[in-house]
Amino acid sequence: PILIGVICFIVSTVIGSSIAEDGTLVEPAFFLIPIGFLMFFIGIISL
């Protein structure tokens, strides 16, 4: 799970984010950030 969490962080960084015309932040891979944290902490707790 730690490895999966790190991969989620890397993928969310590679996909990146952009700013829309109206000034809002568009982040297509935002769901990977909480999943990455969850997997990382599950791995640490299990270890």
ModelCIF file with pLDDT and N, C-alpha, C, O atoms, coordinates in Angstrom:
data_MODEL
#
_entry.id   MODEL 
#
_entity.id                         1 
_entity.type                       polymer 
_entity.pdbx_number_of_molecules   1 
#
_entity_poly.entity_id                      1 
_entity_poly.type                           'polypeptide(L)' 
_entity_poly.nstd_linkage                   no 
_entity_poly.nstd_monomer                   no 
_entity_poly.pdbx_seq_one_letter_code       PILIGVICFIVSTVIGSSIAEDGTLVEPAFFLIPIGFLMFFIGIISL 
_entity_poly.pdbx_seq_one_letter_code_can   PILIGVICFIVSTVIGSSIAEDGTLVEPAFFLIPIGFLMFFIGIISL 
_entity_poly.pdbx_strand_id                 A 
#
loop_
_entity_poly_seq.entity_id 
_entity_poly_seq.num 
_entity_poly_seq.mon_id 
_entity_poly_seq.hetero 
1 1  PRO n 
1 2  ILE n 
1 3  LEU n 
1 4  ILE n 
1 5  GLY n 
1 6  VAL n 
1 7  ILE n 
1 8  CYS n 
1 9  PHE n 
1 10 ILE n 
1 11 VAL n 
1 12 SER n 
1 13 THR n 
1 14 VAL n 
1 15 ILE n 
1 16 GLY n 
1 17 SER n 
1 18 SER n 
1 19 ILE n 
1 20 ALA n 
1 21 GLU n 
1 22 ASP n 
1 23 GLY n 
1 24 THR n 
1 25 LEU n 
1 26 VAL n 
1 27 GLU n 
1 28 PRO n 
1 29 ALA n 
1 30 PHE n 
1 31 PHE n 
1 32 LEU n 
1 33 ILE n 
1 34 PRO n 
1 35 ILE n 
1 36 GLY n 
1 37 PHE n 
1 38 LEU n 
1 39 MET n 
1 40 PHE n 
1 41 PHE n 
1 42 ILE n 
1 43 GLY n 
1 44 ILE n 
1 45 ILE n 
1 46 SER n 
1 47 LEU n 
#
_struct_asym.id          A 
_struct_asym.entity_id   1 
#
loop_
_ma_qa_metric.id 
_ma_qa_metric.mode 
_ma_qa_metric.name 
_ma_qa_metric.software_group_id 
_ma_qa_metric.type 
1 global pLDDT . pLDDT 
2 local  pLDDT . pLDDT 
#
_ma_qa_metric_global.metric_id      1 
_ma_qa_metric_global.metric_value   93.60 
_ma_qa_metric_global.model_id       1 
_ma_qa_metric_global.ordinal_id     1 
#
loop_
_ma_qa_metric_local.label_asym_id 
_ma_qa_metric_local.label_comp_id 
_ma_qa_metric_local.label_seq_id 
_ma_qa_metric_local.metric_id 
_ma_qa_metric_local.metric_value 
_ma_qa_metric_local.model_id 
_ma_qa_metric_local.ordinal_id 
A PRO 1  2 95.00 1 1  
A ILE 2  2 95.00 1 2  
A LEU 3  2 95.00 1 3  
A ILE 4  2 96.00 1 4  
A GLY 5  2 95.00 1 5  
A VAL 6  2 95.00 1 6  
A ILE 7  2 96.00 1 7  
A CYS 8  2 95.00 1 8  
A PHE 9  2 94.00 1 9  
A ILE 10 2 95.00 1 10 
A VAL 11 2 95.00 1 11 
A SER 12 2 92.00 1 12 
A THR 13 2 91.00 1 13 
A VAL 14 2 93.00 1 14 
A ILE 15 2 92.00 1 15 
A GLY 16 2 84.00 1 16 
A SER 17 2 87.00 1 17 
A SER 18 2 90.00 1 18 
A ILE 19 2 92.00 1 19 
A ALA 20 2 92.00 1 20 
A GLU 21 2 94.00 1 21 
A ASP 22 2 95.00 1 22 
A GLY 23 2 91.00 1 23 
A THR 24 2 93.00 1 24 
A LEU 25 2 91.00 1 25 
A VAL 26 2 92.00 1 26 
A GLU 27 2 91.00 1 27 
A PRO 28 2 92.00 1 28 
A ALA 29 2 91.00 1 29 
A PHE 30 2 92.00 1 30 
A PHE 31 2 94.00 1 31 
A LEU 32 2 93.00 1 32 
A ILE 33 2 94.00 1 33 
A PRO 34 2 96.00 1 34 
A ILE 35 2 96.00 1 35 
A GLY 36 2 95.00 1 36 
A PHE 37 2 97.00 1 37 
A LEU 38 2 97.00 1 38 
A MET 39 2 96.00 1 39 
A PHE 40 2 94.00 1 40 
A PHE 41 2 96.00 1 41 
A ILE 42 2 96.00 1 42 
A GLY 43 2 95.00 1 43 
A ILE 44 2 95.00 1 44 
A ILE 45 2 96.00 1 45 
A SER 46 2 95.00 1 46 
A LEU 47 2 93.00 1 47 
#
loop_
_atom_site.group_PDB 
_atom_site.id 
_atom_site.type_symbol 
_atom_site.label_atom_id 
_atom_site.label_alt_id 
_atom_site.label_comp_id 
_atom_site.label_asym_id 
_atom_site.label_entity_id 
_atom_site.label_seq_id 
_atom_site.pdbx_PDB_ins_code 
_atom_site.Cartn_x 
_atom_site.Cartn_y 
_atom_site.Cartn_z 
_atom_site.occupancy 
_atom_site.B_iso_or_equiv 
_atom_site.pdbx_formal_charge 
_atom_site.auth_seq_id 
_atom_site.auth_comp_id 
_atom_site.auth_asym_id 
_atom_site.auth_atom_id 
_atom_site.pdbx_PDB_model_num 
ATOM 1   N N  . PRO A 1 1  ? 0.810   -1.229 0.000   1.00 95.00 ? 1  PRO A N  1 
ATOM 2   C CA . PRO A 1 1  ? 0.000   0.000  0.000   1.00 95.00 ? 1  PRO A CA 1 
ATOM 3   C C  . PRO A 1 1  ? 0.840   1.275  0.000   1.00 95.00 ? 1  PRO A C  1 
ATOM 4   O O  . PRO A 1 1  ? 0.419   2.285  -0.565  1.00 95.00 ? 1  PRO A O  1 
ATOM 5   N N  . ILE A 1 2  ? 2.009   1.249  0.617   1.00 95.00 ? 2  ILE A N  1 
ATOM 6   C CA . ILE A 1 2  ? 2.879   2.425  0.597   1.00 95.00 ? 2  ILE A CA 1 
ATOM 7   C C  . ILE A 1 2  ? 3.326   2.707  -0.830  1.00 95.00 ? 2  ILE A C  1 
ATOM 8   O O  . ILE A 1 2  ? 3.334   3.859  -1.264  1.00 95.00 ? 2  ILE A O  1 
ATOM 9   N N  . LEU A 1 3  ? 3.693   1.672  -1.549  1.00 95.00 ? 3  LEU A N  1 
ATOM 10  C CA . LEU A 1 3  ? 4.098   1.835  -2.937  1.00 95.00 ? 3  LEU A CA 1 
ATOM 11  C C  . LEU A 1 3  ? 2.936   2.350  -3.787  1.00 95.00 ? 3  LEU A C  1 
ATOM 12  O O  . LEU A 1 3  ? 3.132   3.218  -4.638  1.00 95.00 ? 3  LEU A O  1 
ATOM 13  N N  . ILE A 1 4  ? 1.747   1.832  -3.568  1.00 96.00 ? 4  ILE A N  1 
ATOM 14  C CA . ILE A 1 4  ? 0.578   2.293  -4.314  1.00 96.00 ? 4  ILE A CA 1 
ATOM 15  C C  . ILE A 1 4  ? 0.291   3.760  -3.994  1.00 96.00 ? 4  ILE A C  1 
ATOM 16  O O  . ILE A 1 4  ? -0.060  4.526  -4.892  1.00 96.00 ? 4  ILE A O  1 
ATOM 17  N N  . GLY A 1 5  ? 0.433   4.158  -2.741  1.00 95.00 ? 5  GLY A N  1 
ATOM 18  C CA . GLY A 1 5  ? 0.234   5.553  -2.355  1.00 95.00 ? 5  GLY A CA 1 
ATOM 19  C C  . GLY A 1 5  ? 1.217   6.482  -3.020  1.00 95.00 ? 5  GLY A C  1 
ATOM 20  O O  . GLY A 1 5  ? 0.847   7.561  -3.483  1.00 95.00 ? 5  GLY A O  1 
ATOM 21  N N  . VAL A 1 6  ? 2.467   6.071  -3.071  1.00 95.00 ? 6  VAL A N  1 
ATOM 22  C CA . VAL A 1 6  ? 3.489   6.895  -3.734  1.00 95.00 ? 6  VAL A CA 1 
ATOM 23  C C  . VAL A 1 6  ? 3.196   6.997  -5.231  1.00 95.00 ? 6  VAL A C  1 
ATOM 24  O O  . VAL A 1 6  ? 3.370   8.061  -5.826  1.00 95.00 ? 6  VAL A O  1 
ATOM 25  N N  . ILE A 1 7  ? 2.758   5.915  -5.831  1.00 96.00 ? 7  ILE A N  1 
ATOM 26  C CA . ILE A 1 7  ? 2.405   5.948  -7.258  1.00 96.00 ? 7  ILE A CA 1 
ATOM 27  C C  . ILE A 1 7  ? 1.231   6.901  -7.489  1.00 96.00 ? 7  ILE A C  1 
ATOM 28  O O  . ILE A 1 7  ? 1.214   7.624  -8.485  1.00 96.00 ? 7  ILE A O  1 
ATOM 29  N N  . CYS A 1 8  ? 0.253   6.911  -6.586  1.00 95.00 ? 8  CYS A N  1 
ATOM 30  C CA . CYS A 1 8  ? -0.871  7.849  -6.714  1.00 95.00 ? 8  CYS A CA 1 
ATOM 31  C C  . CYS A 1 8  ? -0.389  9.293  -6.663  1.00 95.00 ? 8  CYS A C  1 
ATOM 32  O O  . CYS A 1 8  ? -0.849  10.126 -7.444  1.00 95.00 ? 8  CYS A O  1 
ATOM 33  N N  . PHE A 1 9  ? 0.533   9.598  -5.750  1.00 94.00 ? 9  PHE A N  1 
ATOM 34  C CA . PHE A 1 9  ? 1.066   10.964 -5.668  1.00 94.00 ? 9  PHE A CA 1 
ATOM 35  C C  . PHE A 1 9  ? 1.820   11.343 -6.938  1.00 94.00 ? 9  PHE A C  1 
ATOM 36  O O  . PHE A 1 9  ? 1.675   12.459 -7.437  1.00 94.00 ? 9  PHE A O  1 
ATOM 37  N N  . ILE A 1 10 ? 2.618   10.427 -7.457  1.00 95.00 ? 10 ILE A N  1 
ATOM 38  C CA . ILE A 1 10 ? 3.386   10.709 -8.663  1.00 95.00 ? 10 ILE A CA 1 
ATOM 39  C C  . ILE A 1 10 ? 2.460   10.932 -9.853  1.00 95.00 ? 10 ILE A C  1 
ATOM 40  O O  . ILE A 1 10 ? 2.665   11.862 -10.633 1.00 95.00 ? 10 ILE A O  1 
ATOM 41  N N  . VAL A 1 11 ? 1.452   10.091 -9.995  1.00 95.00 ? 11 VAL A N  1 
ATOM 42  C CA . VAL A 1 11 ? 0.520   10.233 -11.127 1.00 95.00 ? 11 VAL A CA 1 
ATOM 43  C C  . VAL A 1 11 ? -0.257  11.539 -11.026 1.00 95.00 ? 11 VAL A C  1 
ATOM 44  O O  . VAL A 1 11 ? -0.458  12.216 -12.035 1.00 95.00 ? 11 VAL A O  1 
ATOM 45  N N  . SER A 1 12 ? -0.694  11.900 -9.832  1.00 92.00 ? 12 SER A N  1 
ATOM 46  C CA . SER A 1 12 ? -1.433  13.158 -9.689  1.00 92.00 ? 12 SER A CA 1 
ATOM 47  C C  . SER A 1 12 ? -0.540  14.366 -9.985  1.00 92.00 ? 12 SER A C  1 
ATOM 48  O O  . SER A 1 12 ? -1.028  15.395 -10.453 1.00 92.00 ? 12 SER A O  1 
ATOM 49  N N  . THR A 1 13 ? 0.748   14.251 -9.718  1.00 91.00 ? 13 THR A N  1 
ATOM 50  C CA . THR A 1 13 ? 1.674   15.332 -10.038 1.00 91.00 ? 13 THR A CA 1 
ATOM 51  C C  . THR A 1 13 ? 1.946   15.401 -11.534 1.00 91.00 ? 13 THR A C  1 
ATOM 52  O O  . THR A 1 13 ? 2.017   16.491 -12.102 1.00 91.00 ? 13 THR A O  1 
ATOM 53  N N  . VAL A 1 14 ? 2.096   14.255 -12.172 1.00 93.00 ? 14 VAL A N  1 
ATOM 54  C CA . VAL A 1 14 ? 2.397   14.217 -13.602 1.00 93.00 ? 14 VAL A CA 1 
ATOM 55  C C  . VAL A 1 14 ? 1.219   14.739 -14.423 1.00 93.00 ? 14 VAL A C  1 
ATOM 56  O O  . VAL A 1 14 ? 1.410   15.477 -15.390 1.00 93.00 ? 14 VAL A O  1 
ATOM 57  N N  . ILE A 1 15 ? 0.002   14.355 -14.035 1.00 92.00 ? 15 ILE A N  1 
ATOM 58  C CA . ILE A 1 15 ? -1.172  14.823 -14.769 1.00 92.00 ? 15 ILE A CA 1 
ATOM 59  C C  . ILE A 1 15 ? -1.303  16.336 -14.624 1.00 92.00 ? 15 ILE A C  1 
ATOM 60  O O  . ILE A 1 15 ? -1.661  17.025 -15.579 1.00 92.00 ? 15 ILE A O  1 
ATOM 61  N N  . GLY A 1 16 ? -1.021  16.841 -13.458 1.00 84.00 ? 16 GLY A N  1 
ATOM 62  C CA . GLY A 1 16 ? -0.981  18.286 -13.249 1.00 84.00 ? 16 GLY A CA 1 
ATOM 63  C C  . GLY A 1 16 ? -2.342  18.921 -13.104 1.00 84.00 ? 16 GLY A C  1 
ATOM 64  O O  . GLY A 1 16 ? -3.371  18.247 -13.070 1.00 84.00 ? 16 GLY A O  1 
ATOM 65  N N  . SER A 1 17 ? -2.319  20.249 -13.019 1.00 87.00 ? 17 SER A N  1 
ATOM 66  C CA . SER A 1 17 ? -3.539  21.020 -12.873 1.00 87.00 ? 17 SER A CA 1 
ATOM 67  C C  . SER A 1 17 ? -3.444  22.256 -13.759 1.00 87.00 ? 17 SER A C  1 
ATOM 68  O O  . SER A 1 17 ? -2.369  22.618 -14.237 1.00 87.00 ? 17 SER A O  1 
ATOM 69  N N  . SER A 1 18 ? -4.574  22.883 -13.962 1.00 90.00 ? 18 SER A N  1 
ATOM 70  C CA . SER A 1 18 ? -4.604  24.096 -14.771 1.00 90.00 ? 18 SER A CA 1 
ATOM 71  C C  . SER A 1 18 ? -5.630  25.054 -14.183 1.00 90.00 ? 18 SER A C  1 
ATOM 72  O O  . SER A 1 18 ? -6.438  24.680 -13.332 1.00 90.00 ? 18 SER A O  1 
ATOM 73  N N  . ILE A 1 19 ? -5.582  26.283 -14.649 1.00 92.00 ? 19 ILE A N  1 
ATOM 74  C CA . ILE A 1 19 ? -6.524  27.293 -14.196 1.00 92.00 ? 19 ILE A CA 1 
ATOM 75  C C  . ILE A 1 19 ? -7.469  27.597 -15.347 1.00 92.00 ? 19 ILE A C  1 
ATOM 76  O O  . ILE A 1 19 ? -7.033  27.909 -16.455 1.00 92.00 ? 19 ILE A O  1 
ATOM 77  N N  . ALA A 1 20 ? -8.762  27.505 -15.078 1.00 92.00 ? 20 ALA A N  1 
ATOM 78  C CA . ALA A 1 20 ? -9.775  27.749 -16.107 1.00 92.00 ? 20 ALA A CA 1 
ATOM 79  C C  . ALA A 1 20 ? -9.899  29.246 -16.390 1.00 92.00 ? 20 ALA A C  1 
ATOM 80  O O  . ALA A 1 20 ? -9.297  30.074 -15.706 1.00 92.00 ? 20 ALA A O  1 
ATOM 81  N N  . GLU A 1 21 ? -10.678 29.568 -17.395 1.00 94.00 ? 21 GLU A N  1 
ATOM 82  C CA . GLU A 1 21 ? -10.883 30.959 -17.792 1.00 94.00 ? 21 GLU A CA 1 
ATOM 83  C C  . GLU A 1 21 ? -11.498 31.806 -16.682 1.00 94.00 ? 21 GLU A C  1 
ATOM 84  O O  . GLU A 1 21 ? -11.195 32.993 -16.556 1.00 94.00 ? 21 GLU A O  1 
ATOM 85  N N  . ASP A 1 22 ? -12.371 31.184 -15.871 1.00 95.00 ? 22 ASP A N  1 
ATOM 86  C CA . ASP A 1 22 ? -13.019 31.939 -14.802 1.00 95.00 ? 22 ASP A CA 1 
ATOM 87  C C  . ASP A 1 22 ? -12.197 31.986 -13.518 1.00 95.00 ? 22 ASP A C  1 
ATOM 88  O O  . ASP A 1 22 ? -12.666 32.521 -12.514 1.00 95.00 ? 22 ASP A O  1 
ATOM 89  N N  . GLY A 1 23 ? -11.000 31.447 -13.528 1.00 91.00 ? 23 GLY A N  1 
ATOM 90  C CA . GLY A 1 23 ? -10.094 31.523 -12.386 1.00 91.00 ? 23 GLY A CA 1 
ATOM 91  C C  . GLY A 1 23 ? -10.175 30.359 -11.428 1.00 91.00 ? 23 GLY A C  1 
ATOM 92  O O  . GLY A 1 23 ? -9.526  30.390 -10.382 1.00 91.00 ? 23 GLY A O  1 
ATOM 93  N N  . THR A 1 24 ? -10.942 29.334 -11.741 1.00 93.00 ? 24 THR A N  1 
ATOM 94  C CA . THR A 1 24 ? -11.022 28.171 -10.858 1.00 93.00 ? 24 THR A CA 1 
ATOM 95  C C  . THR A 1 24 ? -9.923  27.169 -11.198 1.00 93.00 ? 24 THR A C  1 
ATOM 96  O O  . THR A 1 24 ? -9.467  27.073 -12.337 1.00 93.00 ? 24 THR A O  1 
ATOM 97  N N  . LEU A 1 25 ? -9.528  26.449 -10.200 1.00 91.00 ? 25 LEU A N  1 
ATOM 98  C CA . LEU A 1 25 ? -8.491  25.438 -10.374 1.00 91.00 ? 25 LEU A CA 1 
ATOM 99  C C  . LEU A 1 25 ? -9.120  24.152 -10.896 1.00 91.00 ? 25 LEU A C  1 
ATOM 100 O O  . LEU A 1 25 ? -10.074 23.638 -10.312 1.00 91.00 ? 25 LEU A O  1 
ATOM 101 N N  . VAL A 1 26 ? -8.586  23.640 -11.988 1.00 92.00 ? 26 VAL A N  1 
ATOM 102 C CA . VAL A 1 26 ? -9.067  22.394 -12.576 1.00 92.00 ? 26 VAL A CA 1 
ATOM 103 C C  . VAL A 1 26 ? -7.989  21.351 -12.360 1.00 92.00 ? 26 VAL A C  1 
ATOM 104 O O  . VAL A 1 26 ? -6.892  21.437 -12.912 1.00 92.00 ? 26 VAL A O  1 
ATOM 105 N N  . GLU A 1 27 ? -8.327  20.361 -11.542 1.00 91.00 ? 27 GLU A N  1 
ATOM 106 C CA . GLU A 1 27 ? -7.377  19.303 -11.225 1.00 91.00 ? 27 GLU A CA 1 
ATOM 107 C C  . GLU A 1 27 ? -8.040  17.959 -11.534 1.00 91.00 ? 27 GLU A C  1 
ATOM 108 O O  . GLU A 1 27 ? -8.811  17.448 -10.722 1.00 91.00 ? 27 GLU A O  1 
ATOM 109 N N  . PRO A 1 28 ? -7.743  17.383 -12.706 1.00 92.00 ? 28 PRO A N  1 
ATOM 110 C CA . PRO A 1 28 ? -8.451  16.175 -13.130 1.00 92.00 ? 28 PRO A CA 1 
ATOM 111 C C  . PRO A 1 28 ? -8.142  14.932 -12.287 1.00 92.00 ? 28 PRO A C  1 
ATOM 112 O O  . PRO A 1 28 ? -8.959  14.012 -12.246 1.00 92.00 ? 28 PRO A O  1 
ATOM 113 N N  . ALA A 1 29 ? -7.022  14.881 -11.636 1.00 91.00 ? 29 ALA A N  1 
ATOM 114 C CA . ALA A 1 29 ? -6.653  13.693 -10.861 1.00 91.00 ? 29 ALA A CA 1 
ATOM 115 C C  . ALA A 1 29 ? -6.665  13.976 -9.362  1.00 91.00 ? 29 ALA A C  1 
ATOM 116 O O  . ALA A 1 29 ? -5.854  13.426 -8.617  1.00 91.00 ? 29 ALA A O  1 
ATOM 117 N N  . PHE A 1 30 ? -7.590  14.836 -8.918  1.00 92.00 ? 30 PHE A N  1 
ATOM 118 C CA . PHE A 1 30 ? -7.642  15.181 -7.496  1.00 92.00 ? 30 PHE A CA 1 
ATOM 119 C C  . PHE A 1 30 ? -7.952  13.974 -6.622  1.00 92.00 ? 30 PHE A C  1 
ATOM 120 O O  . PHE A 1 30 ? -7.476  13.889 -5.490  1.00 92.00 ? 30 PHE A O  1 
ATOM 121 N N  . PHE A 1 31 ? -8.749  13.038 -7.138  1.00 94.00 ? 31 PHE A N  1 
ATOM 122 C CA . PHE A 1 31 ? -9.141  11.869 -6.347  1.00 94.00 ? 31 PHE A CA 1 
ATOM 123 C C  . PHE A 1 31 ? -7.941  11.007 -5.952  1.00 94.00 ? 31 PHE A C  1 
ATOM 124 O O  . PHE A 1 31 ? -8.032  10.224 -5.007  1.00 94.00 ? 31 PHE A O  1 
ATOM 125 N N  . LEU A 1 32 ? -6.821  11.140 -6.661  1.00 93.00 ? 32 LEU A N  1 
ATOM 126 C CA . LEU A 1 32 ? -5.646  10.335 -6.336  1.00 93.00 ? 32 LEU A CA 1 
ATOM 127 C C  . LEU A 1 32 ? -4.935  10.816 -5.068  1.00 93.00 ? 32 LEU A C  1 
ATOM 128 O O  . LEU A 1 32 ? -4.225  10.037 -4.432  1.00 93.00 ? 32 LEU A O  1 
ATOM 129 N N  . ILE A 1 33 ? -5.111  12.062 -4.701  1.00 94.00 ? 33 ILE A N  1 
ATOM 130 C CA . ILE A 1 33 ? -4.430  12.597 -3.515  1.00 94.00 ? 33 ILE A CA 1 
ATOM 131 C C  . ILE A 1 33 ? -4.968  11.956 -2.233  1.00 94.00 ? 33 ILE A C  1 
ATOM 132 O O  . ILE A 1 33 ? -4.169  11.433 -1.456  1.00 94.00 ? 33 ILE A O  1 
ATOM 133 N N  . PRO A 1 34 ? -6.285  11.968 -1.970  1.00 96.00 ? 34 PRO A N  1 
ATOM 134 C CA . PRO A 1 34 ? -6.750  11.284 -0.748  1.00 96.00 ? 34 PRO A CA 1 
ATOM 135 C C  . PRO A 1 34 ? -6.537  9.775  -0.781  1.00 96.00 ? 34 PRO A C  1 
ATOM 136 O O  . PRO A 1 34 ? -6.277  9.162  0.254   1.00 96.00 ? 34 PRO A O  1 
ATOM 137 N N  . ILE A 1 35 ? -6.647  9.176  -1.961  1.00 96.00 ? 35 ILE A N  1 
ATOM 138 C CA . ILE A 1 35 ? -6.386  7.736  -2.071  1.00 96.00 ? 35 ILE A CA 1 
ATOM 139 C C  . ILE A 1 35 ? -4.921  7.453  -1.746  1.00 96.00 ? 35 ILE A C  1 
ATOM 140 O O  . ILE A 1 35 ? -4.612  6.461  -1.085  1.00 96.00 ? 35 ILE A O  1 
ATOM 141 N N  . GLY A 1 36 ? -4.023  8.316  -2.205  1.00 95.00 ? 36 GLY A N  1 
ATOM 142 C CA . GLY A 1 36 ? -2.602  8.158  -1.910  1.00 95.00 ? 36 GLY A CA 1 
ATOM 143 C C  . GLY A 1 36 ? -2.320  8.249  -0.418  1.00 95.00 ? 36 GLY A C  1 
ATOM 144 O O  . GLY A 1 36 ? -1.572  7.436  0.126   1.00 95.00 ? 36 GLY A O  1 
ATOM 145 N N  . PHE A 1 37 ? -2.923  9.247  0.252   1.00 97.00 ? 37 PHE A N  1 
ATOM 146 C CA . PHE A 1 37 ? -2.746  9.369  1.705   1.00 97.00 ? 37 PHE A CA 1 
ATOM 147 C C  . PHE A 1 37 ? -3.303  8.148  2.434   1.00 97.00 ? 37 PHE A C  1 
ATOM 148 O O  . PHE A 1 37 ? -2.673  7.624  3.353   1.00 97.00 ? 37 PHE A O  1 
ATOM 149 N N  . LEU A 1 38 ? -4.480  7.703  2.021   1.00 97.00 ? 38 LEU A N  1 
ATOM 150 C CA . LEU A 1 38 ? -5.102  6.543  2.661   1.00 97.00 ? 38 LEU A CA 1 
ATOM 151 C C  . LEU A 1 38 ? -4.226  5.298  2.520   1.00 97.00 ? 38 LEU A C  1 
ATOM 152 O O  . LEU A 1 38 ? -3.987  4.592  3.499   1.00 97.00 ? 38 LEU A O  1 
ATOM 153 N N  . MET A 1 39 ? -3.755  5.034  1.321   1.00 96.00 ? 39 MET A N  1 
ATOM 154 C CA . MET A 1 39 ? -2.915  3.856  1.091   1.00 96.00 ? 39 MET A CA 1 
ATOM 155 C C  . MET A 1 39 ? -1.591  3.961  1.850   1.00 96.00 ? 39 MET A C  1 
ATOM 156 O O  . MET A 1 39 ? -1.103  2.974  2.400   1.00 96.00 ? 39 MET A O  1 
ATOM 157 N N  . PHE A 1 40 ? -1.016  5.164  1.874   1.00 94.00 ? 40 PHE A N  1 
ATOM 158 C CA . PHE A 1 40 ? 0.250   5.366  2.578   1.00 94.00 ? 40 PHE A CA 1 
ATOM 159 C C  . PHE A 1 40 ? 0.104   5.069  4.063   1.00 94.00 ? 40 PHE A C  1 
ATOM 160 O O  . PHE A 1 40 ? 0.936   4.369  4.640   1.00 94.00 ? 40 PHE A O  1 
ATOM 161 N N  . PHE A 1 41 ? -0.945  5.593  4.685   1.00 96.00 ? 41 PHE A N  1 
ATOM 162 C CA . PHE A 1 41 ? -1.135  5.367  6.119   1.00 96.00 ? 41 PHE A CA 1 
ATOM 163 C C  . PHE A 1 41 ? -1.552  3.934  6.430   1.00 96.00 ? 41 PHE A C  1 
ATOM 164 O O  . PHE A 1 41 ? -1.174  3.399  7.473   1.00 96.00 ? 41 PHE A O  1 
ATOM 165 N N  . ILE A 1 42 ? -2.321  3.304  5.551   1.00 96.00 ? 42 ILE A N  1 
ATOM 166 C CA . ILE A 1 42 ? -2.649  1.892  5.740   1.00 96.00 ? 42 ILE A CA 1 
ATOM 167 C C  . ILE A 1 42 ? -1.375  1.051  5.715   1.00 96.00 ? 42 ILE A C  1 
ATOM 168 O O  . ILE A 1 42 ? -1.219  0.135  6.522   1.00 96.00 ? 42 ILE A O  1 
ATOM 169 N N  . GLY A 1 43 ? -0.470  1.357  4.797   1.00 95.00 ? 43 GLY A N  1 
ATOM 170 C CA . GLY A 1 43 ? 0.799   0.632  4.720   1.00 95.00 ? 43 GLY A CA 1 
ATOM 171 C C  . GLY A 1 43 ? 1.653   0.824  5.954   1.00 95.00 ? 43 GLY A C  1 
ATOM 172 O O  . GLY A 1 43 ? 2.251   -0.129 6.455   1.00 95.00 ? 43 GLY A O  1 
ATOM 173 N N  . ILE A 1 44 ? 1.716   2.049  6.449   1.00 95.00 ? 44 ILE A N  1 
ATOM 174 C CA . ILE A 1 44 ? 2.525   2.313  7.644   1.00 95.00 ? 44 ILE A CA 1 
ATOM 175 C C  . ILE A 1 44 ? 1.940   1.588  8.858   1.00 95.00 ? 44 ILE A C  1 
ATOM 176 O O  . ILE A 1 44 ? 2.672   0.980  9.639   1.00 95.00 ? 44 ILE A O  1 
ATOM 177 N N  . ILE A 1 45 ? 0.622   1.656  9.008   1.00 96.00 ? 45 ILE A N  1 
ATOM 178 C CA . ILE A 1 45 ? -0.014  0.994  10.149  1.00 96.00 ? 45 ILE A CA 1 
ATOM 179 C C  . ILE A 1 45 ? 0.183   -0.519 10.071  1.00 96.00 ? 45 ILE A C  1 
ATOM 180 O O  . ILE A 1 45 ? 0.449   -1.161 11.087  1.00 96.00 ? 45 ILE A O  1 
ATOM 181 N N  . SER A 1 46 ? 0.055   -1.090 8.879   1.00 95.00 ? 46 SER A N  1 
ATOM 182 C CA . SER A 1 46 ? 0.229   -2.542 8.761   1.00 95.00 ? 46 SER A CA 1 
ATOM 183 C C  . SER A 1 46 ? 1.680   -2.950 9.014   1.00 95.00 ? 46 SER A C  1 
ATOM 184 O O  . SER A 1 46 ? 1.923   -3.991 9.625   1.00 95.00 ? 46 SER A O  1 
ATOM 185 N N  . LEU A 1 47 ? 2.639   -2.159 8.562   1.00 93.00 ? 47 LEU A N  1 
ATOM 186 C CA . LEU A 1 47 ? 4.043   -2.481 8.847   1.00 93.00 ? 47 LEU A CA 1 
ATOM 187 C C  . LEU A 1 47 ? 4.343   -2.414 10.336  1.00 93.00 ? 47 LEU A C  1 
ATOM 188 O O  . LEU A 1 47 ? 5.477   -2.657 10.749  1.00 93.00 ? 47 LEU A O  1 
#
